[in-house]
C-alpha atoms as a PDB file:
ATOM      1  CA  MET A   1     145.345 -29.825  14.814  1.00  0.00           C
ATOM      2  CA  CYS A   2     147.409 -27.852  12.316  1.00  0.00           C
ATOM      3  CA  LEU A   3     149.041 -29.408   9.315  1.00  0.00           C
ATOM      4  CA  TYR A   4     152.057 -27.742   7.726  1.00  0.00           C
ATOM      5  CA  TRP A   5     153.449 -28.474   4.294  1.00  0.00           C
ATOM      6  CA  GLY A   6     156.977 -27.497   3.363  1.00  0.00           C
ATOM      7  CA  PHE A   7     158.525 -27.422  -0.090  1.00  0.00           C
ATOM      8  CA  ASP A   8     162.016 -26.973  -1.444  1.00  0.00           C
ATOM      9  CA  LEU A   9     161.214 -24.220  -3.970  1.00  0.00           C
ATOM     10  CA  PRO A  10     164.313 -24.688  -6.185  1.00  0.00           C
ATOM     11  CA  ALA A  11     163.551 -28.427  -6.427  1.00  0.00           C
ATOM     12  CA  VAL A  12     159.912 -27.769  -7.317  1.00  0.00           C
ATOM     13  CA  ALA A  13     160.942 -25.210  -9.952  1.00  0.00           C
ATOM     14  CA  ARG A  14     163.401 -27.684 -11.536  1.00  0.00           C
ATOM     15  CA  ARG A  15     160.571 -30.203 -11.980  1.00  0.00           C
ATOM     16  CA  SER A  16     158.181 -27.671 -13.522  1.00  0.00           C
ATOM     17  CA  LEU A  17     157.753 -28.482 -17.212  1.00  0.00           C
ATOM     18  CA  TYR A  18     156.300 -25.084 -18.109  1.00  0.00           C
ATOM     19  CA  LEU A  19     158.539 -22.803 -16.046  1.00  0.00           C
ATOM     20  CA  PRO A  20     160.839 -21.937 -18.994  1.00  0.00           C
ATOM     21  CA  MET A  21     157.771 -20.856 -21.001  1.00  0.00           C
ATOM     22  CA  LEU A  22     156.800 -18.376 -18.276  1.00  0.00           C
ATOM     23  CA  ALA A  23     159.953 -16.306 -18.765  1.00  0.00           C
ATOM     24  CA  ASN A  24     158.369 -14.203 -21.513  1.00  0.00           C
ATOM     25  CA  THR A  25     155.059 -13.523 -19.746  1.00  0.00           C
ATOM     26  CA  GLU A  26     154.239 -10.123 -18.292  1.00  0.00           C
ATOM     27  CA  THR A  27     150.701 -10.377 -16.938  1.00  0.00           C
ATOM     28  CA  LEU A  28     148.775 -12.748 -14.729  1.00  0.00           C
ATOM     29  CA  PHE A  29     146.431 -13.379 -17.667  1.00  0.00           C
ATOM     30  CA  GLU A  30     149.369 -14.551 -19.827  1.00  0.00           C
ATOM     31  CA  VAL A  31     150.559 -16.883 -17.060  1.00  0.00           C
ATOM     32  CA  SER A  32     147.072 -18.306 -16.588  1.00  0.00           C
ATOM     33  CA  ALA A  33     146.537 -18.829 -20.325  1.00  0.00           C
ATOM     34  CA  LEU A  34     149.931 -20.494 -20.737  1.00  0.00           C
ATOM     35  CA  ILE A  35     149.341 -22.907 -17.852  1.00  0.00           C
ATOM     36  CA  GLU A  36     145.831 -23.711 -19.084  1.00  0.00           C
ATOM     37  CA  ALA A  37     147.131 -24.470 -22.592  1.00  0.00           C
ATOM     38  CA  PHE A  38     149.955 -26.572 -21.156  1.00  0.00           C
ATOM     39  CA  ARG A  39     147.551 -28.618 -19.029  1.00  0.00           C
ATOM     40  CA  HIS A  40     145.335 -29.186 -22.066  1.00  0.00           C
ATOM     41  CA  ASP A  41     148.231 -30.638 -24.067  1.00  0.00           C
ATOM     42  CA  VAL A  42     149.739 -33.048 -21.520  1.00  0.00           C
ATOM     43  CA  ALA A  43     148.386 -36.187 -19.899  1.00  0.00           C
ATOM     44  CA  ARG A  44     147.755 -35.648 -16.197  1.00  0.00           C
ATOM     45  CA  ARG A  45     147.973 -38.249 -13.493  1.00  0.00           C
ATOM     46  CA  PRO A  46     144.658 -39.334 -11.992  1.00  0.00           C
ATOM     47  CA  ARG A  47     143.765 -37.739  -8.679  1.00  0.00           C
ATOM     48  CA  ALA A  48     144.718 -39.686  -5.575  1.00  0.00           C
ATOM     49  CA  ASP A  49     144.004 -39.172  -1.902  1.00  0.00           C
ATOM     50  CA  ILE A  50     146.849 -37.936   0.265  1.00  0.00           C
ATOM     51  CA  PRO A  51     147.646 -40.678   2.791  1.00  0.00           C
ATOM     52  CA  VAL A  52     147.310 -38.910   6.121  1.00  0.00           C
END
């Protein structure tokens, strides 16, 4: 059985806390480093199972 996930991209982008910081990046390495640094500095929610 296939499972499809759909997202409203503009809504997801509005909720992204680091999206404005990505505007000045030019390489994939810069994007990766910025996201890694961001994740290091913020508290993340604990993992939870998806109720399917």
